[in-house]
PDB file of N, CA and C in Angstrom:
ATOM      1  N   UNK A   1     -56.179  26.196-133.255  1.00  0.00           N
ATOM      2  CA  UNK A   1     -56.409  27.267-132.311  1.00  0.00           C
ATOM      3  C   UNK A   1     -56.540  28.184-132.741  1.00  0.00           C
ATOM      4  N   UNK A   2     -55.203  28.731-133.168  1.00  0.00           N
ATOM      5  CA  UNK A   2     -54.766  29.628-133.867  1.00  0.00           C
ATOM      6  C   UNK A   2     -54.187  29.720-135.348  1.00  0.00           C
ATOM      7  N   UNK A   3     -54.987  29.057-135.869  1.00  0.00           N
ATOM      8  CA  UNK A   3     -54.929  28.767-137.399  1.00  0.00           C
ATOM      9  C   UNK A   3     -54.877  30.226-138.271  1.00  0.00           C
ATOM     10  N   UNK A   4     -54.378  30.563-139.452  1.00  0.00           N
ATOM     11  CA  UNK A   4     -54.903  31.746-139.959  1.00  0.00           C
ATOM     12  C   UNK A   4     -54.837  32.874-139.749  1.00  0.00           C
ATOM     13  N   UNK A   5     -54.293  33.103-138.351  1.00  0.00           N
ATOM     14  CA  UNK A   5     -53.917  34.491-137.692  1.00  0.00           C
ATOM     15  C   UNK A   5     -52.666  34.889-137.650  1.00  0.00           C
ATOM     16  N   UNK A   6     -52.268  35.963-138.319  1.00  0.00           N
ATOM     17  CA  UNK A   6     -51.111  36.757-138.402  1.00  0.00           C
ATOM     18  C   UNK A   6     -50.685  37.027-137.669  1.00  0.00           C
ATOM     19  N   UNK A   7     -49.635  36.350-136.884  1.00  0.00           N
ATOM     20  CA  UNK A   7     -49.086  38.029-135.309  1.00  0.00           C
ATOM     21  C   UNK A   7     -48.599  38.632-135.508  1.00  0.00           C
ATOM     22  N   UNK A   8     -48.040  39.175-137.443  1.00  0.00           N
ATOM     23  CA  UNK A   8     -47.345  39.917-137.254  1.00  0.00           C
ATOM     24  C   UNK A   8     -48.237  41.489-137.953  1.00  0.00           C
ATOM     25  N   UNK A   9     -49.280  40.961-137.700  1.00  0.00           N
ATOM     26  CA  UNK A   9     -50.471  42.272-137.939  1.00  0.00           C
ATOM     27  C   UNK A   9     -50.845  42.300-136.362  1.00  0.00           C
ATOM     28  N   UNK A  10     -50.802  41.664-135.554  1.00  0.00           N
ATOM     29  CA  UNK A  10     -51.535  41.783-133.765  1.00  0.00           C
ATOM     30  C   UNK A  10     -51.530  42.967-133.193  1.00  0.00           C
ATOM     31  N   UNK A  11     -50.015  43.747-133.704  1.00  0.00           N
ATOM     32  CA  UNK A  11     -49.434  45.106-133.281  1.00  0.00           C
ATOM     33  C   UNK A  11     -50.677  46.253-133.996  1.00  0.00           C
ATOM     34  N   UNK A  12     -50.683  46.409-134.888  1.00  0.00           N
ATOM     35  CA  UNK A  12     -51.212  46.858-135.902  1.00  0.00           C
ATOM     36  C   UNK A  12     -52.812  46.950-135.250  1.00  0.00           C
ATOM     37  N   UNK A  13     -52.950  45.636-135.258  1.00  0.00           N
ATOM     38  CA  UNK A  13     -54.606  45.354-135.172  1.00  0.00           C
ATOM     39  C   UNK A  13     -55.170  46.110-133.664  1.00  0.00           C
ATOM     40  N   UNK A  14     -54.509  45.819-132.441  1.00  0.00           N
ATOM     41  CA  UNK A  14     -54.258  46.115-131.181  1.00  0.00           C
ATOM     42  C   UNK A  14     -54.298  48.002-131.657  1.00  0.00           C
ATOM     43  N   UNK A  15     -53.446  48.435-132.162  1.00  0.00           N
ATOM     44  CA  UNK A  15     -53.298  50.083-132.403  1.00  0.00           C
ATOM     45  C   UNK A  15     -54.734  50.504-132.976  1.00  0.00           C
ATOM     46  N   UNK A  16     -55.059  49.896-133.728  1.00  0.00           N
ATOM     47  CA  UNK A  16     -56.779  50.630-134.770  1.00  0.00           C
ATOM     48  C   UNK A  16     -57.558  50.229-133.670  1.00  0.00           C
ATOM     49  N   UNK A  17     -57.960  49.526-132.762  1.00  0.00           N
ATOM     50  CA  UNK A  17     -58.263  49.048-131.817  1.00  0.00           C
ATOM     51  C   UNK A  17     -58.713  50.469-130.599  1.00  0.00           C
ATOM     52  N   UNK A  18     -57.177  50.504-130.457  1.00  0.00           N
ATOM     53  CA  UNK A  18     -57.103  51.266-129.400  1.00  0.00           C
ATOM     54  C   UNK A  18     -57.456  53.239-130.261  1.00  0.00           C
ATOM     55  N   UNK A  19     -57.425  53.286-131.288  1.00  0.00           N
ATOM     56  CA  UNK A  19     -57.789  54.291-132.319  1.00  0.00           C
ATOM     57  C   UNK A  19     -58.820  54.569-132.056  1.00  0.00           C
ATOM     58  N   UNK A  20     -60.212  53.320-131.730  1.00  0.00           N
ATOM     59  CA  UNK A  20     -61.205  53.445-131.911  1.00  0.00           C
ATOM     60  C   UNK A  20     -61.897  53.482-130.938  1.00  0.00           C
ATOM     61  N   UNK A  21     -61.185  52.936-129.811  1.00  0.00           N
ATOM     62  CA  UNK A  21     -61.354  53.011-128.609  1.00  0.00           C
ATOM     63  C   UNK A  21     -61.890  54.609-128.218  1.00  0.00           C
ATOM     64  N   UNK A  22     -60.420  55.041-128.555  1.00  0.00           N
ATOM     65  CA  UNK A  22     -60.548  56.610-127.868  1.00  0.00           C
ATOM     66  C   UNK A  22     -61.179  57.592-128.724  1.00  0.00           C
ATOM     67  N   UNK A  23     -61.547  57.100-130.427  1.00  0.00           N
ATOM     68  CA  UNK A  23     -62.353  58.136-131.080  1.00  0.00           C
ATOM     69  C   UNK A  23     -63.806  57.779-129.974  1.00  0.00           C
ATOM     70  N   UNK A  24     -64.243  56.461-129.932  1.00  0.00           N
ATOM     71  CA  UNK A  24     -65.711  56.571-129.312  1.00  0.00           C
ATOM     72  C   UNK A  24     -65.653  56.839-128.045  1.00  0.00           C
ATOM     73  N   UNK A  25     -64.375  57.035-126.952  1.00  0.00           N
ATOM     74  CA  UNK A  25     -64.870  58.295-126.099  1.00  0.00           C
ATOM     75  C   UNK A  25     -64.852  59.771-126.146  1.00  0.00           C
ATOM     76  N   UNK A  26     -64.361  59.839-127.128  1.00  0.00           N
ATOM     77  CA  UNK A  26     -64.817  61.124-127.607  1.00  0.00           C
ATOM     78  C   UNK A  26     -66.045  61.180-128.106  1.00  0.00           C
ATOM     79  N   UNK A  27     -66.709  60.443-128.829  1.00  0.00           N
ATOM     80  CA  UNK A  27     -67.708  61.086-129.281  1.00  0.00           C
ATOM     81  C   UNK A  27     -69.268  60.885-128.413  1.00  0.00           C
ATOM     82  N   UNK A  28     -68.607  60.018-126.949  1.00  0.00           N
ATOM     83  CA  UNK A  28     -69.538  59.791-125.908  1.00  0.00           C
ATOM     84  C   UNK A  28     -69.732  60.633-125.220  1.00  0.00           C
ATOM     85  N   UNK A  29     -68.966  62.083-125.178  1.00  0.00           N
ATOM     86  CA  UNK A  29     -69.140  63.170-124.879  1.00  0.00           C
ATOM     87  C   UNK A  29     -70.262  63.887-125.415  1.00  0.00           C
ATOM     88  N   UNK A  30     -70.576  63.739-126.506  1.00  0.00           N
ATOM     89  CA  UNK A  30     -71.470  64.893-126.966  1.00  0.00           C
ATOM     90  C   UNK A  30     -72.923  63.814-126.860  1.00  0.00           C
ATOM     91  N   UNK A  31     -73.015  62.606-126.340  1.00  0.00           N
ATOM     92  CA  UNK A  31     -73.885  61.719-126.644  1.00  0.00           C
ATOM     93  C   UNK A  31     -74.548  62.217-125.393  1.00  0.00           C
ATOM     94  N   UNK A  32     -76.336  62.192-125.457  1.00  0.00           N
ATOM     95  CA  UNK A  32     -76.950  62.714-124.019  1.00  0.00           C
ATOM     96  C   UNK A  32     -77.936  61.954-124.185  1.00  0.00           C
ATOM     97  N   UNK A  33     -78.122  61.459-122.686  1.00  0.00           N
ATOM     98  CA  UNK A  33     -79.595  60.335-122.443  1.00  0.00           C
ATOM     99  C   UNK A  33     -79.918  61.579-121.220  1.00  0.00           C
ATOM    100  N   UNK A  34     -81.289  60.904-121.836  1.00  0.00           N
ATOM    101  CA  UNK A  34     -82.159  61.568-120.544  1.00  0.00           C
ATOM    102  C   UNK A  34     -82.987  60.587-119.689  1.00  0.00           C
ATOM    103  N   UNK A  35     -83.345  60.568-118.495  1.00  0.00           N
ATOM    104  CA  UNK A  35     -84.422  59.603-118.204  1.00  0.00           C
ATOM    105  C   UNK A  35     -85.300  60.845-116.943  1.00  0.00           C
ATOM    106  N   UNK A  36     -86.821  60.221-117.026  1.00  0.00           N
ATOM    107  CA  UNK A  36     -87.864  60.907-116.535  1.00  0.00           C
ATOM    108  C   UNK A  36     -88.166  60.174-115.405  1.00  0.00           C
ATOM    109  N   UNK A  37     -88.431  60.785-114.416  1.00  0.00           N
ATOM    110  CA  UNK A  37     -89.031  60.156-113.073  1.00  0.00           C
ATOM    111  C   UNK A  37     -90.506  61.049-112.495  1.00  0.00           C
ATOM    112  N   UNK A  38     -91.066  60.196-111.655  1.00  0.00           N
ATOM    113  CA  UNK A  38     -92.588  60.560-111.483  1.00  0.00           C
ATOM    114  C   UNK A  38     -93.301  61.690-112.093  1.00  0.00           C
ATOM    115  N   UNK A  39     -93.393  60.613-113.557  1.00  0.00           N
ATOM    116  CA  UNK A  39     -94.037  61.025-114.656  1.00  0.00           C
ATOM    117  C   UNK A  39     -93.502  62.298-115.139  1.00  0.00           C
ATOM    118  N   UNK A  40     -92.468  62.663-115.024  1.00  0.00           N
ATOM    119  CA  UNK A  40     -92.347  63.713-115.728  1.00  0.00           C
ATOM    120  C   UNK A  40     -91.376  65.109-114.773  1.00  0.00           C
ATOM    121  N   UNK A  41     -91.563  64.591-113.772  1.00  0.00           N
ATOM    122  CA  UNK A  41     -91.526  65.650-112.611  1.00  0.00           C
ATOM    123  C   UNK A  41     -89.969  66.016-112.326  1.00  0.00           C
ATOM    124  N   UNK A  42     -88.847  64.753-112.386  1.00  0.00           N
ATOM    125  CA  UNK A  42     -88.057  64.666-112.453  1.00  0.00           C
ATOM    126  C   UNK A  42     -87.139  64.266-113.952  1.00  0.00           C
ATOM    127  N   UNK A  43     -86.524  64.925-114.324  1.00  0.00           N
ATOM    128  CA  UNK A  43     -85.567  64.955-115.463  1.00  0.00           C
ATOM    129  C   UNK A  43     -83.898  64.871-114.993  1.00  0.00           C
ATOM    130  N   UNK A  44     -83.258  63.749-115.289  1.00  0.00           N
ATOM    131  CA  UNK A  44     -81.903  63.712-115.341  1.00  0.00           C
ATOM    132  C   UNK A  44     -81.093  63.670-116.842  1.00  0.00           C
ATOM    133  N   UNK A  45     -80.003  64.040-117.248  1.00  0.00           N
ATOM    134  CA  UNK A  45     -79.755  63.926-118.181  1.00  0.00           C
ATOM    135  C   UNK A  45     -78.292  63.901-118.144  1.00  0.00           C
ATOM    136  N   UNK A  46     -77.223  63.029-118.507  1.00  0.00           N
ATOM    137  CA  UNK A  46     -75.529  62.000-118.586  1.00  0.00           C
ATOM    138  C   UNK A  46     -75.288  62.380-120.021  1.00  0.00           C
ATOM    139  N   UNK A  47     -74.416  62.260-119.872  1.00  0.00           N
ATOM    140  CA  UNK A  47     -73.794  62.348-121.159  1.00  0.00           C
ATOM    141  C   UNK A  47     -72.965  60.961-120.995  1.00  0.00           C
ATOM    142  N   UNK A  48     -72.672  60.418-122.436  1.00  0.00           N
ATOM    143  CA  UNK A  48     -71.943  59.109-122.906  1.00  0.00           C
ATOM    144  C   UNK A  48     -71.070  58.474-121.832  1.00  0.00           C
ATOM    145  N   UNK A  49     -70.160  59.390-121.287  1.00  0.00           N
ATOM    146  CA  UNK A  49     -69.378  59.397-120.228  1.00  0.00           C
ATOM    147  C   UNK A  49     -69.373  58.907-118.604  1.00  0.00           C
ATOM    148  N   UNK A  50     -71.119  59.242-118.912  1.00  0.00           N
ATOM    149  CA  UNK A  50     -71.605  58.470-117.378  1.00  0.00           C
ATOM    150  C   UNK A  50     -71.675  59.916-116.540  1.00  0.00           C
ATOM    151  N   UNK A  51     -71.473  61.687-117.185  1.00  0.00           N
ATOM    152  CA  UNK A  51     -71.497  62.593-116.159  1.00  0.00           C
ATOM    153  C   UNK A  51     -72.931  63.228-116.051  1.00  0.00           C
ATOM    154  N   UNK A  52     -73.446  63.405-114.875  1.00  0.00           N
ATOM    155  CA  UNK A  52     -74.931  63.743-115.155  1.00  0.00           C
ATOM    156  C   UNK A  52     -74.492  65.906-115.192  1.00  0.00           C
ATOM    157  N   UNK A  53     -75.173  66.020-116.378  1.00  0.00           N
ATOM    158  CA  UNK A  53     -75.233  67.424-116.851  1.00  0.00           C
ATOM    159  C   UNK A  53     -75.710  68.014-116.691  1.00  0.00           C
ATOM    160  N   UNK A  54     -77.420  67.527-116.661  1.00  0.00           N
ATOM    161  CA  UNK A  54     -78.134  68.500-116.113  1.00  0.00           C
ATOM    162  C   UNK A  54     -79.299  67.617-115.661  1.00  0.00           C
ATOM    163  N   UNK A  55     -80.468  68.399-114.401  1.00  0.00           N
ATOM    164  CA  UNK A  55     -81.021  67.846-113.489  1.00  0.00           C
ATOM    165  C   UNK A  55     -82.322  68.695-113.682  1.00  0.00           C
ATOM    166  N   UNK A  56     -83.690  68.421-113.642  1.00  0.00           N
ATOM    167  CA  UNK A  56     -84.269  69.420-113.588  1.00  0.00           C
ATOM    168  C   UNK A  56     -85.534  68.637-113.113  1.00  0.00           C
ATOM    169  N   UNK A  57     -86.400  69.968-112.291  1.00  0.00           N
ATOM    170  CA  UNK A  57     -86.974  69.015-111.120  1.00  0.00           C
ATOM    171  C   UNK A  57     -87.984  69.988-110.913  1.00  0.00           C
ATOM    172  N   UNK A  58     -89.272  69.459-111.035  1.00  0.00           N
ATOM    173  CA  UNK A  58     -90.803  70.754-111.052  1.00  0.00           C
ATOM    174  C   UNK A  58     -90.662  70.995-109.883  1.00  0.00           C
ATOM    175  N   UNK A  59     -91.125  72.195-109.673  1.00  0.00           N
ATOM    176  CA  UNK A  59     -91.517  72.824-108.709  1.00  0.00           C
ATOM    177  C   UNK A  59     -92.154  72.245-107.520  1.00  0.00           C
ATOM    178  N   UNK A  60     -92.971  71.594-107.568  1.00  0.00           N
ATOM    179  CA  UNK A  60     -93.939  70.724-106.893  1.00  0.00           C
ATOM    180  C   UNK A  60     -93.247  70.090-105.988  1.00  0.00           C
ATOM    181  N   UNK A  61     -92.284  69.360-106.297  1.00  0.00           N
ATOM    182  CA  UNK A  61     -91.153  68.283-105.667  1.00  0.00           C
ATOM    183  C   UNK A  61     -90.681  69.099-104.124  1.00  0.00           C
ATOM    184  N   UNK A  62     -90.595  69.892-104.559  1.00  0.00           N
ATOM    185  CA  UNK A  62     -89.303  70.973-103.738  1.00  0.00           C
ATOM    186  C   UNK A  62     -89.924  70.700-102.036  1.00  0.00           C
ATOM    187  N   UNK A  63     -91.495  70.702-102.209  1.00  0.00           N
ATOM    188  CA  UNK A  63     -92.175  70.536-101.024  1.00  0.00           C
ATOM    189  C   UNK A  63     -91.902  69.130 -99.836  1.00  0.00           C
ATOM    190  N   UNK A  64     -91.271  68.298-100.993  1.00  0.00           N
ATOM    191  CA  UNK A  64     -91.505  67.067-100.312  1.00  0.00           C
ATOM    192  C   UNK A  64     -90.367  65.964-100.677  1.00  0.00           C
ATOM    193  N   UNK A  65     -89.842  66.690 -99.462  1.00  0.00           N
ATOM    194  CA  UNK A  65     -88.069  66.087 -99.665  1.00  0.00           C
ATOM    195  C   UNK A  65     -87.929  64.871 -99.829  1.00  0.00           C
ATOM    196  N   UNK A  66     -88.582  63.981 -98.843  1.00  0.00           N
ATOM    197  CA  UNK A  66     -88.278  62.241 -99.012  1.00  0.00           C
ATOM    198  C   UNK A  66     -88.745  61.977-100.393  1.00  0.00           C
ATOM    199  N   UNK A  67     -89.699  62.283-101.179  1.00  0.00           N
ATOM    200  CA  UNK A  67     -90.304  61.987-102.237  1.00  0.00           C
ATOM    201  C   UNK A  67     -88.861  62.392-103.156  1.00  0.00           C
ATOM    202  N   UNK A  68     -88.855  63.564-103.299  1.00  0.00           N
ATOM    203  CA  UNK A  68     -87.323  64.247-104.224  1.00  0.00           C
ATOM    204  C   UNK A  68     -86.187  63.143-104.257  1.00  0.00           C
ATOM    205  N   UNK A  69     -85.679  62.737-103.280  1.00  0.00           N
ATOM    206  CA  UNK A  69     -85.077  62.329-102.852  1.00  0.00           C
ATOM    207  C   UNK A  69     -84.923  60.974-103.432  1.00  0.00           C
ATOM    208  N   UNK A  70     -86.049  60.230-103.018  1.00  0.00           N
ATOM    209  CA  UNK A  70     -86.519  58.471-104.021  1.00  0.00           C
ATOM    210  C   UNK A  70     -86.723  58.846-105.396  1.00  0.00           C
ATOM    211  N   UNK A  71     -87.259  59.892-105.978  1.00  0.00           N
ATOM    212  CA  UNK A  71     -87.214  59.622-107.213  1.00  0.00           C
ATOM    213  C   UNK A  71     -85.796  60.642-108.362  1.00  0.00           C
ATOM    214  N   UNK A  72     -85.128  61.238-107.315  1.00  0.00           N
ATOM    215  CA  UNK A  72     -83.443  61.488-107.975  1.00  0.00           C
ATOM    216  C   UNK A  72     -82.900  59.923-107.848  1.00  0.00           C
ATOM    217  N   UNK A  73     -83.204  59.603-106.879  1.00  0.00           N
ATOM    218  CA  UNK A  73     -82.038  58.472-106.858  1.00  0.00           C
ATOM    219  C   UNK A  73     -82.440  56.991-108.176  1.00  0.00           C
ATOM    220  N   UNK A  74     -83.082  57.205-108.331  1.00  0.00           N
ATOM    221  CA  UNK A  74     -84.085  56.124-109.133  1.00  0.00           C
ATOM    222  C   UNK A  74     -83.643  56.575-110.533  1.00  0.00           C
ATOM    223  N   UNK A  75     -84.426  57.667-110.727  1.00  0.00           N
ATOM    224  CA  UNK A  75     -83.844  58.653-111.775  1.00  0.00           C
ATOM    225  C   UNK A  75     -82.419  58.172-112.554  1.00  0.00           C
ATOM    226  N   UNK A  76     -81.143  58.743-111.092  1.00  0.00           N
ATOM    227  CA  UNK A  76     -80.083  58.617-111.898  1.00  0.00           C
ATOM    228  C   UNK A  76     -79.717  57.374-112.245  1.00  0.00           C
ATOM    229  N   UNK A  77     -80.067  56.380-111.490  1.00  0.00           N
ATOM    230  CA  UNK A  77     -80.054  55.104-111.640  1.00  0.00           C
ATOM    231  C   UNK A  77     -80.253  54.568-113.268  1.00  0.00           C
ATOM    232  N   UNK A  78     -81.492  55.235-113.180  1.00  0.00           N
ATOM    233  CA  UNK A  78     -81.807  54.704-114.876  1.00  0.00           C
ATOM    234  C   UNK A  78     -81.382  55.778-115.572  1.00  0.00           C
ATOM    235  N   UNK A  79     -80.399  56.971-115.692  1.00  0.00           N
ATOM    236  CA  UNK A  79     -79.728  57.589-116.626  1.00  0.00           C
ATOM    237  C   UNK A  79     -78.681  56.626-116.556  1.00  0.00           C
ATOM    238  N   UNK A  80     -78.211  56.132-115.726  1.00  0.00           N
ATOM    239  CA  UNK A  80     -76.695  55.546-115.807  1.00  0.00           C
ATOM    240  C   UNK A  80     -76.665  54.091-116.388  1.00  0.00           C
ATOM    241  N   UNK A  81     -78.223  53.197-116.359  1.00  0.00           N
ATOM    242  CA  UNK A  81     -78.365  52.197-116.765  1.00  0.00           C
ATOM    243  C   UNK A  81     -78.054  51.922-118.545  1.00  0.00           C
ATOM    244  N   UNK A  82     -78.781  53.533-118.993  1.00  0.00           N
ATOM    245  CA  UNK A  82     -78.681  53.984-120.124  1.00  0.00           C
ATOM    246  C   UNK A  82     -77.557  54.096-120.595  1.00  0.00           C
ATOM    247  N   UNK A  83     -76.365  54.838-119.949  1.00  0.00           N
ATOM    248  CA  UNK A  83     -75.034  54.718-120.321  1.00  0.00           C
ATOM    249  C   UNK A  83     -74.686  53.656-120.548  1.00  0.00           C
ATOM    250  N   UNK A  84     -74.610  52.827-119.777  1.00  0.00           N
ATOM    251  CA  UNK A  84     -74.058  51.992-119.807  1.00  0.00           C
ATOM    252  C   UNK A  84     -74.649  50.616-120.712  1.00  0.00           C
ATOM    253  N   UNK A  85     -75.851  50.777-121.025  1.00  0.00           N
ATOM    254  CA  UNK A  85     -76.298  49.802-122.354  1.00  0.00           C
ATOM    255  C   UNK A  85     -75.788  50.658-123.684  1.00  0.00           C
ATOM    256  N   UNK A  86     -75.784  51.791-123.741  1.00  0.00           N
ATOM    257  CA  UNK A  86     -75.129  52.401-124.360  1.00  0.00           C
ATOM    258  C   UNK A  86     -73.918  52.137-124.847  1.00  0.00           C
ATOM    259  N   UNK A  87     -72.771  51.982-123.734  1.00  0.00           N
ATOM    260  CA  UNK A  87     -71.269  51.819-123.781  1.00  0.00           C
ATOM    261  C   UNK A  87     -70.679  50.172-124.197  1.00  0.00           C
ATOM    262  N   UNK A  88     -71.859  49.419-123.691  1.00  0.00           N
ATOM    263  CA  UNK A  88     -72.409  47.896-124.509  1.00  0.00           C
ATOM    264  C   UNK A  88     -72.236  47.621-125.598  1.00  0.00           C
ATOM    265  N   UNK A  89     -73.316  48.486-126.052  1.00  0.00           N
ATOM    266  CA  UNK A  89     -73.682  48.693-127.531  1.00  0.00           C
ATOM    267  C   UNK A  89     -72.892  49.007-128.706  1.00  0.00           C
ATOM    268  N   UNK A  90     -71.685  50.534-128.346  1.00  0.00           N
ATOM    269  CA  UNK A  90     -70.901  51.053-128.866  1.00  0.00           C
ATOM    270  C   UNK A  90     -69.455  49.591-129.072  1.00  0.00           C
ATOM    271  N   UNK A  91     -69.367  48.932-127.745  1.00  0.00           N
ATOM    272  CA  UNK A  91     -68.564  48.272-128.078  1.00  0.00           C
ATOM    273  C   UNK A  91     -68.590  46.985-128.637  1.00  0.00           C
ATOM    274  N   UNK A  92     -69.792  46.504-128.693  1.00  0.00           N
ATOM    275  CA  UNK A  92     -69.957  45.536-129.591  1.00  0.00           C
ATOM    276  C   UNK A  92     -70.208  45.627-130.805  1.00  0.00           C
ATOM    277  N   UNK A  93     -70.577  47.261-131.255  1.00  0.00           N
ATOM    278  CA  UNK A  93     -70.262  47.530-133.024  1.00  0.00           C
ATOM    279  C   UNK A  93     -68.705  47.328-132.832  1.00  0.00           C
ATOM    280  N   UNK A  94     -67.757  47.757-131.966  1.00  0.00           N
ATOM    281  CA  UNK A  94     -66.170  48.171-131.978  1.00  0.00           C
ATOM    282  C   UNK A  94     -65.896  46.238-132.444  1.00  0.00           C
ATOM    283  N   UNK A  95     -66.293  45.516-131.580  1.00  0.00           N
ATOM    284  CA  UNK A  95     -66.088  43.967-131.865  1.00  0.00           C
ATOM    285  C   UNK A  95     -66.771  42.999-133.254  1.00  0.00           C
ATOM    286  N   UNK A  96     -67.293  43.956-134.079  1.00  0.00           N
ATOM    287  CA  UNK A  96     -67.731  43.697-135.000  1.00  0.00           C
ATOM    288  C   UNK A  96     -69.286  42.742-134.901  1.00  0.00           C
ATOM    289  N   UNK A  97     -70.285  42.730-133.409  1.00  0.00           N
ATOM    290  CA  UNK A  97     -71.465  42.067-133.393  1.00  0.00           C
ATOM    291  C   UNK A  97     -70.835  41.177-132.167  1.00  0.00           C
ATOM    292  N   UNK A  98     -69.673  40.501-131.773  1.00  0.00           N
ATOM    293  CA  UNK A  98     -69.080  39.998-130.957  1.00  0.00           C
ATOM    294  C   UNK A  98     -69.222  40.162-129.434  1.00  0.00           C
ATOM    295  N   UNK A  99     -70.016  39.629-128.772  1.00  0.00           N
ATOM    296  CA  UNK A  99     -70.189  40.119-127.491  1.00  0.00           C
ATOM    297  C   UNK A  99     -69.459  39.759-126.325  1.00  0.00           C
ATOM    298  N   UNK A 100     -67.974  40.992-125.944  1.00  0.00           N
ATOM    299  CA  UNK A 100     -66.930  40.994-125.064  1.00  0.00           C
ATOM    300  C   UNK A 100     -67.411  40.717-123.809  1.00  0.00           C
ATOM    301  N   UNK A 101     -68.793  40.594-123.476  1.00  0.00           N
ATOM    302  CA  UNK A 101     -69.417  40.870-122.104  1.00  0.00           C
ATOM    303  C   UNK A 101     -69.570  39.334-121.965  1.00  0.00           C
ATOM    304  N   UNK A 102     -69.641  38.396-122.932  1.00  0.00           N
ATOM    305  CA  UNK A 102     -70.465  37.135-122.713  1.00  0.00           C
ATOM    306  C   UNK A 102     -71.978  37.152-122.832  1.00  0.00           C
ATOM    307  N   UNK A 103     -72.360  36.145-122.727  1.00  0.00           N
ATOM    308  CA  UNK A 103     -73.843  35.776-122.655  1.00  0.00           C
ATOM    309  C   UNK A 103     -74.184  35.642-124.630  1.00  0.00           C
ATOM    310  N   UNK A 104     -75.846  36.256-124.349  1.00  0.00           N
ATOM    311  CA  UNK A 104     -75.704  35.776-126.233  1.00  0.00           C
ATOM    312  C   UNK A 104     -76.165  37.593-126.387  1.00  0.00           C
TER     313      UNK A 104
END
C-alpha cells in the first residue's frame, strides 16, 4: 500500500500543500462571483471567501417586502453555492484532479 512512498519527503510535501492552500486563500479574496435573482432585479456579489461584498436591489422591489426577502434569500444561496463550487474546483486543482471530496 505504501510502496514507493518516500516518508522522508512527506513533511516537505505537507509544507508545500500548506503554502498552496495559503496562496489559494489569498487569491480567493480577489475572486468575485455574482448571482442574479428575479430576472436581474436582485444581484448579490461575494468574494471567493464567501463574504458578501455587494447587493444591488432594483427600486421596484422596495415596495414588496416579502418578495424582496424571498429573492434575497434565494440569490444569496445561489452565490454561496457558486463560492463552494469554486472552492471545490480549486481544491481539486491542488490535488492534481483527485477529488478529495469523494465521488466522481
